Amino acid sequence: MIKAMSQTGLNLFIPIELLIDSLNALSLSEKRQISQLLNEAIADAEEENWREDEETKKEIQLVRDEYATGNYSKFSNIKEQLKQGSIKRAERDLGLVEEWFNLEEEAC
C-alpha cells in the first residue's frame, strides 16, 4: 500500500503521457523516492496475491508438511550433496566437453 505523508486522499485520472512527462521532470532523489514507494506497493500486492493463490497455498503447505515430518535437506548437508552430484556427473560432463571441442575443431 502506498502511504503518503498526508491523511487526506485525492483520486485523480492522469493520462499516462502526462504522468511520464511529470516523472521525467523529477530530480534523481525524487525519482528514487517514487521508486521506493512503488517497490513497496508492488511487494505488498504480490504478497497479497500469493496468499490468495491456491497453487501457492498448496506449495507452502507441502513444504510445511515436509518440514514437520523431517523430510528436508539440512543446509549443512547441501554442500556434500552438491559435491557428490558433481563427482557422479563428472564423466558425463567431460564427455560433453570433449565432444564440443571436437565439433569446434571440425568447424575451423
N, C-alpha and C. Protein backbone atom coordinates (compact mmCIF):
# COMPACT_ATOMS: atom_id res chain seq x y z
N MET A 1 0.84 -1.17 0.00
CA MET A 1 0.00 0.00 0.00
C MET A 1 0.89 1.23 0.00
N ILE A 2 0.60 2.18 -0.87
CA ILE A 2 1.36 3.43 -0.92
C ILE A 2 0.85 4.32 0.19
N LYS A 3 1.77 4.80 1.02
CA LYS A 3 1.42 5.65 2.14
C LYS A 3 1.96 7.04 1.88
N ALA A 4 1.13 8.02 2.11
CA ALA A 4 1.54 9.41 1.91
C ALA A 4 1.71 10.09 3.26
N MET A 5 2.36 11.22 3.24
CA MET A 5 2.56 11.99 4.47
C MET A 5 1.22 12.51 4.99
N SER A 6 0.35 12.87 4.09
CA SER A 6 -0.93 13.45 4.46
C SER A 6 -1.98 12.36 4.65
N GLN A 7 -2.93 12.59 5.51
CA GLN A 7 -4.02 11.65 5.73
C GLN A 7 -5.17 11.89 4.76
N THR A 8 -5.16 13.01 4.04
CA THR A 8 -6.23 13.28 3.09
C THR A 8 -5.91 12.60 1.78
N GLY A 9 -6.93 12.16 1.08
CA GLY A 9 -6.74 11.45 -0.17
C GLY A 9 -7.33 12.21 -1.33
N LEU A 10 -6.87 11.88 -2.51
CA LEU A 10 -7.35 12.53 -3.72
C LEU A 10 -7.29 11.51 -4.84
N ASN A 11 -8.41 11.27 -5.48
CA ASN A 11 -8.46 10.35 -6.62
C ASN A 11 -8.48 11.17 -7.90
N LEU A 12 -7.46 10.97 -8.72
CA LEU A 12 -7.35 11.70 -9.97
C LEU A 12 -7.13 10.73 -11.12
N PHE A 13 -7.62 11.12 -12.29
CA PHE A 13 -7.27 10.40 -13.50
C PHE A 13 -6.21 11.24 -14.20
N ILE A 14 -5.03 10.67 -14.35
CA ILE A 14 -3.94 11.38 -15.01
C ILE A 14 -3.54 10.57 -16.23
N PRO A 15 -3.62 11.15 -17.42
CA PRO A 15 -3.21 10.41 -18.61
C PRO A 15 -1.75 9.96 -18.47
N ILE A 16 -1.46 8.76 -18.95
CA ILE A 16 -0.13 8.16 -18.78
C ILE A 16 0.96 9.06 -19.37
N GLU A 17 0.68 9.73 -20.49
CA GLU A 17 1.68 10.60 -21.10
C GLU A 17 2.05 11.75 -20.16
N LEU A 18 1.06 12.33 -19.51
CA LEU A 18 1.31 13.42 -18.57
C LEU A 18 2.07 12.91 -17.35
N LEU A 19 1.74 11.72 -16.89
CA LEU A 19 2.44 11.12 -15.76
C LEU A 19 3.91 10.89 -16.11
N ILE A 20 4.16 10.35 -17.30
CA ILE A 20 5.54 10.10 -17.73
C ILE A 20 6.31 11.41 -17.83
N ASP A 21 5.69 12.44 -18.42
CA ASP A 21 6.36 13.74 -18.51
C ASP A 21 6.68 14.29 -17.13
N SER A 22 5.75 14.13 -16.20
CA SER A 22 5.96 14.62 -14.83
C SER A 22 7.10 13.85 -14.15
N LEU A 23 7.14 12.54 -14.35
CA LEU A 23 8.21 11.73 -13.76
C LEU A 23 9.57 12.12 -14.34
N ASN A 24 9.60 12.35 -15.64
CA ASN A 24 10.86 12.74 -16.28
C ASN A 24 11.38 14.08 -15.76
N ALA A 25 10.48 14.93 -15.29
CA ALA A 25 10.88 16.25 -14.80
C ALA A 25 11.41 16.21 -13.36
N LEU A 26 11.25 15.10 -12.67
CA LEU A 26 11.68 15.00 -11.28
C LEU A 26 13.20 14.89 -11.17
N SER A 27 13.70 15.26 -10.00
CA SER A 27 15.12 15.08 -9.72
C SER A 27 15.38 13.60 -9.45
N LEU A 28 16.65 13.24 -9.45
CA LEU A 28 17.02 11.85 -9.18
C LEU A 28 16.54 11.42 -7.80
N SER A 29 16.68 12.28 -6.82
CA SER A 29 16.24 11.98 -5.46
C SER A 29 14.73 11.72 -5.42
N GLU A 30 13.98 12.55 -6.11
CA GLU A 30 12.52 12.37 -6.13
C GLU A 30 12.13 11.08 -6.86
N LYS A 31 12.85 10.76 -7.93
CA LYS A 31 12.59 9.52 -8.65
C LYS A 31 12.88 8.31 -7.77
N ARG A 32 13.94 8.40 -6.97
CA ARG A 32 14.25 7.30 -6.05
C ARG A 32 13.16 7.13 -5.00
N GLN A 33 12.61 8.24 -4.51
CA GLN A 33 11.52 8.16 -3.53
C GLN A 33 10.30 7.47 -4.14
N ILE A 34 9.96 7.85 -5.36
CA ILE A 34 8.82 7.23 -6.03
C ILE A 34 9.11 5.76 -6.31
N SER A 35 10.33 5.46 -6.71
CA SER A 35 10.71 4.07 -6.95
C SER A 35 10.54 3.24 -5.68
N GLN A 36 10.98 3.78 -4.56
CA GLN A 36 10.85 3.05 -3.29
C GLN A 36 9.38 2.84 -2.94
N LEU A 37 8.56 3.87 -3.12
CA LEU A 37 7.13 3.73 -2.84
C LEU A 37 6.49 2.67 -3.74
N LEU A 38 6.84 2.70 -5.02
CA LEU A 38 6.28 1.72 -5.95
C LEU A 38 6.75 0.31 -5.62
N ASN A 39 8.04 0.15 -5.31
CA ASN A 39 8.56 -1.17 -4.96
C ASN A 39 7.85 -1.73 -3.73
N GLU A 40 7.60 -0.89 -2.74
CA GLU A 40 6.88 -1.34 -1.55
C GLU A 40 5.44 -1.72 -1.89
N ALA A 41 4.80 -0.91 -2.73
CA ALA A 41 3.42 -1.20 -3.12
C ALA A 41 3.34 -2.49 -3.92
N ILE A 42 4.31 -2.70 -4.81
CA ILE A 42 4.35 -3.93 -5.61
C ILE A 42 4.58 -5.14 -4.71
N ALA A 43 5.51 -5.02 -3.77
CA ALA A 43 5.79 -6.13 -2.85
C ALA A 43 4.55 -6.48 -2.03
N ASP A 44 3.85 -5.45 -1.55
CA ASP A 44 2.62 -5.69 -0.78
C ASP A 44 1.56 -6.39 -1.64
N ALA A 45 1.41 -5.93 -2.88
CA ALA A 45 0.41 -6.52 -3.78
C ALA A 45 0.77 -7.95 -4.14
N GLU A 46 2.06 -8.21 -4.39
CA GLU A 46 2.49 -9.58 -4.71
C GLU A 46 2.29 -10.50 -3.52
N GLU A 47 2.60 -10.01 -2.33
CA GLU A 47 2.40 -10.84 -1.13
C GLU A 47 0.93 -11.17 -0.95
N GLU A 48 0.08 -10.18 -1.13
CA GLU A 48 -1.36 -10.43 -1.01
C GLU A 48 -1.82 -11.40 -2.08
N ASN A 49 -1.26 -11.27 -3.27
CA ASN A 49 -1.64 -12.15 -4.39
C ASN A 49 -1.26 -13.59 -4.10
N TRP A 50 -0.03 -13.83 -3.61
CA TRP A 50 0.36 -15.23 -3.36
C TRP A 50 -0.39 -15.81 -2.18
N ARG A 51 -0.82 -14.98 -1.26
CA ARG A 51 -1.61 -15.50 -0.14
C ARG A 51 -2.97 -16.00 -0.60
N GLU A 52 -3.47 -15.42 -1.68
CA GLU A 52 -4.78 -15.80 -2.20
C GLU A 52 -4.69 -16.89 -3.26
N ASP A 53 -3.51 -17.13 -3.82
CA ASP A 53 -3.34 -18.09 -4.92
C ASP A 53 -3.38 -19.52 -4.37
N GLU A 54 -4.28 -20.33 -4.92
CA GLU A 54 -4.46 -21.70 -4.43
C GLU A 54 -3.22 -22.56 -4.66
N GLU A 55 -2.58 -22.43 -5.81
CA GLU A 55 -1.38 -23.23 -6.10
C GLU A 55 -0.27 -22.90 -5.11
N THR A 56 -0.09 -21.63 -4.81
CA THR A 56 0.93 -21.22 -3.85
C THR A 56 0.60 -21.75 -2.46
N LYS A 57 -0.66 -21.69 -2.09
CA LYS A 57 -1.07 -22.23 -0.79
C LYS A 57 -0.72 -23.72 -0.68
N LYS A 58 -0.95 -24.46 -1.77
CA LYS A 58 -0.64 -25.89 -1.77
C LYS A 58 0.87 -26.13 -1.62
N GLU A 59 1.67 -25.32 -2.34
CA GLU A 59 3.12 -25.47 -2.26
C GLU A 59 3.63 -25.16 -0.86
N ILE A 60 3.10 -24.11 -0.26
CA ILE A 60 3.51 -23.75 1.10
C ILE A 60 3.14 -24.86 2.07
N GLN A 61 1.95 -25.42 1.93
CA GLN A 61 1.53 -26.50 2.82
C GLN A 61 2.40 -27.73 2.63
N LEU A 62 2.77 -28.03 1.39
CA LEU A 62 3.64 -29.17 1.11
C LEU A 62 4.99 -29.00 1.81
N VAL A 63 5.56 -27.82 1.72
CA VAL A 63 6.84 -27.56 2.38
C VAL A 63 6.69 -27.67 3.90
N ARG A 64 5.62 -27.14 4.43
CA ARG A 64 5.38 -27.25 5.88
C ARG A 64 5.25 -28.71 6.31
N ASP A 65 4.55 -29.49 5.51
CA ASP A 65 4.38 -30.91 5.82
C ASP A 65 5.73 -31.64 5.78
N GLU A 66 6.53 -31.35 4.75
CA GLU A 66 7.86 -31.97 4.65
C GLU A 66 8.72 -31.60 5.86
N TYR A 67 8.66 -30.36 6.26
CA TYR A 67 9.44 -29.92 7.41
C TYR A 67 8.97 -30.63 8.68
N ALA A 68 7.66 -30.72 8.83
CA ALA A 68 7.10 -31.35 10.03
C ALA A 68 7.49 -32.82 10.14
N THR A 69 7.62 -33.51 8.99
CA THR A 69 7.98 -34.93 9.02
C THR A 69 9.49 -35.15 8.93
N GLY A 70 10.25 -34.06 8.86
CA GLY A 70 11.70 -34.19 8.78
C GLY A 70 12.20 -34.55 7.39
N ASN A 71 11.34 -34.44 6.39
CA ASN A 71 11.69 -34.79 5.02
C ASN A 71 12.23 -33.57 4.28
N TYR A 72 13.42 -33.14 4.68
CA TYR A 72 14.06 -32.00 4.04
C TYR A 72 15.56 -32.12 4.21
N SER A 73 16.30 -31.36 3.40
CA SER A 73 17.76 -31.37 3.49
C SER A 73 18.22 -30.23 4.38
N LYS A 74 19.08 -30.57 5.31
CA LYS A 74 19.67 -29.54 6.15
C LYS A 74 20.73 -28.82 5.35
N PHE A 75 20.88 -27.54 5.61
CA PHE A 75 21.84 -26.73 4.88
C PHE A 75 23.25 -27.31 4.99
N SER A 76 23.57 -27.85 6.13
CA SER A 76 24.90 -28.42 6.32
C SER A 76 25.16 -29.60 5.39
N ASN A 77 24.12 -30.27 4.93
CA ASN A 77 24.27 -31.41 4.03
C ASN A 77 24.29 -31.03 2.56
N ILE A 78 23.84 -29.83 2.24
CA ILE A 78 23.70 -29.44 0.84
C ILE A 78 25.06 -29.40 0.14
N LYS A 79 26.08 -28.87 0.78
CA LYS A 79 27.41 -28.80 0.16
C LYS A 79 27.90 -30.20 -0.20
N GLU A 80 27.74 -31.14 0.69
CA GLU A 80 28.17 -32.51 0.43
C GLU A 80 27.34 -33.13 -0.70
N GLN A 81 26.05 -32.87 -0.71
CA GLN A 81 25.20 -33.40 -1.78
C GLN A 81 25.60 -32.82 -3.13
N LEU A 82 25.90 -31.54 -3.18
CA LEU A 82 26.35 -30.92 -4.43
C LEU A 82 27.67 -31.53 -4.90
N LYS A 83 28.58 -31.73 -3.95
CA LYS A 83 29.87 -32.33 -4.29
C LYS A 83 29.68 -33.73 -4.86
N GLN A 84 28.87 -34.55 -4.20
CA GLN A 84 28.64 -35.92 -4.66
C GLN A 84 27.96 -35.93 -6.03
N GLY A 85 27.04 -35.01 -6.24
CA GLY A 85 26.38 -34.92 -7.54
C GLY A 85 27.36 -34.53 -8.64
N SER A 86 28.28 -33.62 -8.33
CA SER A 86 29.30 -33.22 -9.31
C SER A 86 30.21 -34.37 -9.65
N ILE A 87 30.63 -35.11 -8.65
CA ILE A 87 31.50 -36.28 -8.88
C ILE A 87 30.77 -37.30 -9.74
N LYS A 88 29.50 -37.53 -9.42
CA LYS A 88 28.70 -38.52 -10.13
C LYS A 88 28.54 -38.16 -11.62
N ARG A 89 28.44 -36.85 -11.91
CA ARG A 89 28.22 -36.41 -13.30
C ARG A 89 29.50 -36.00 -14.01
N ALA A 90 30.66 -36.11 -13.36
CA ALA A 90 31.92 -35.64 -13.93
C ALA A 90 32.25 -36.33 -15.24
N GLU A 91 32.09 -37.65 -15.30
CA GLU A 91 32.45 -38.39 -16.52
C GLU A 91 31.56 -37.95 -17.69
N ARG A 92 30.28 -37.82 -17.42
CA ARG A 92 29.35 -37.37 -18.46
C ARG A 92 29.72 -35.97 -18.94
N ASP A 93 30.00 -35.07 -18.00
CA ASP A 93 30.34 -33.69 -18.35
C ASP A 93 31.64 -33.62 -19.15
N LEU A 94 32.62 -34.42 -18.78
CA LEU A 94 33.88 -34.45 -19.51
C LEU A 94 33.64 -34.92 -20.95
N GLY A 95 32.81 -35.92 -21.12
CA GLY A 95 32.47 -36.40 -22.46
C GLY A 95 31.81 -35.32 -23.30
N LEU A 96 30.91 -34.54 -22.70
CA LEU A 96 30.26 -33.45 -23.42
C LEU A 96 31.27 -32.39 -23.86
N VAL A 97 32.17 -32.03 -22.96
CA VAL A 97 33.18 -31.02 -23.28
C VAL A 97 34.07 -31.51 -24.41
N GLU A 98 34.50 -32.75 -24.34
CA GLU A 98 35.35 -33.30 -25.41
C GLU A 98 34.60 -33.29 -26.74
N GLU A 99 33.31 -33.61 -26.71
CA GLU A 99 32.52 -33.60 -27.94
C GLU A 99 32.41 -32.19 -28.50
N TRP A 100 32.19 -31.21 -27.62
CA TRP A 100 32.09 -29.82 -28.07
C TRP A 100 33.39 -29.35 -28.71
N PHE A 101 34.53 -29.69 -28.08
CA PHE A 101 35.81 -29.26 -28.64
C PHE A 101 36.05 -29.92 -29.99
N ASN A 102 35.66 -31.17 -30.14
CA ASN A 102 35.80 -31.86 -31.42
C ASN A 102 34.96 -31.16 -32.49
N LEU A 103 33.74 -30.76 -32.13
CA LEU A 103 32.88 -30.05 -33.08
C LEU A 103 33.49 -28.72 -33.47
N GLU A 104 34.07 -28.02 -32.49
CA GLU A 104 34.67 -26.73 -32.75
C GLU A 104 35.87 -26.88 -33.69
N GLU A 105 36.68 -27.91 -33.46
CA GLU A 105 37.85 -28.14 -34.32
C GLU A 105 37.40 -28.48 -35.73
N GLU A 106 36.32 -29.25 -35.87
CA GLU A 106 35.82 -29.61 -37.20
C GLU A 106 35.30 -28.39 -37.94
N ALA A 107 34.75 -27.42 -37.21
CA ALA A 107 34.18 -26.24 -37.83
C ALA A 107 35.28 -25.30 -38.34
N CYS A 108 36.48 -25.38 -37.78
CA CYS A 108 37.55 -24.47 -38.17
C CYS A 108 38.24 -24.87 -39.42
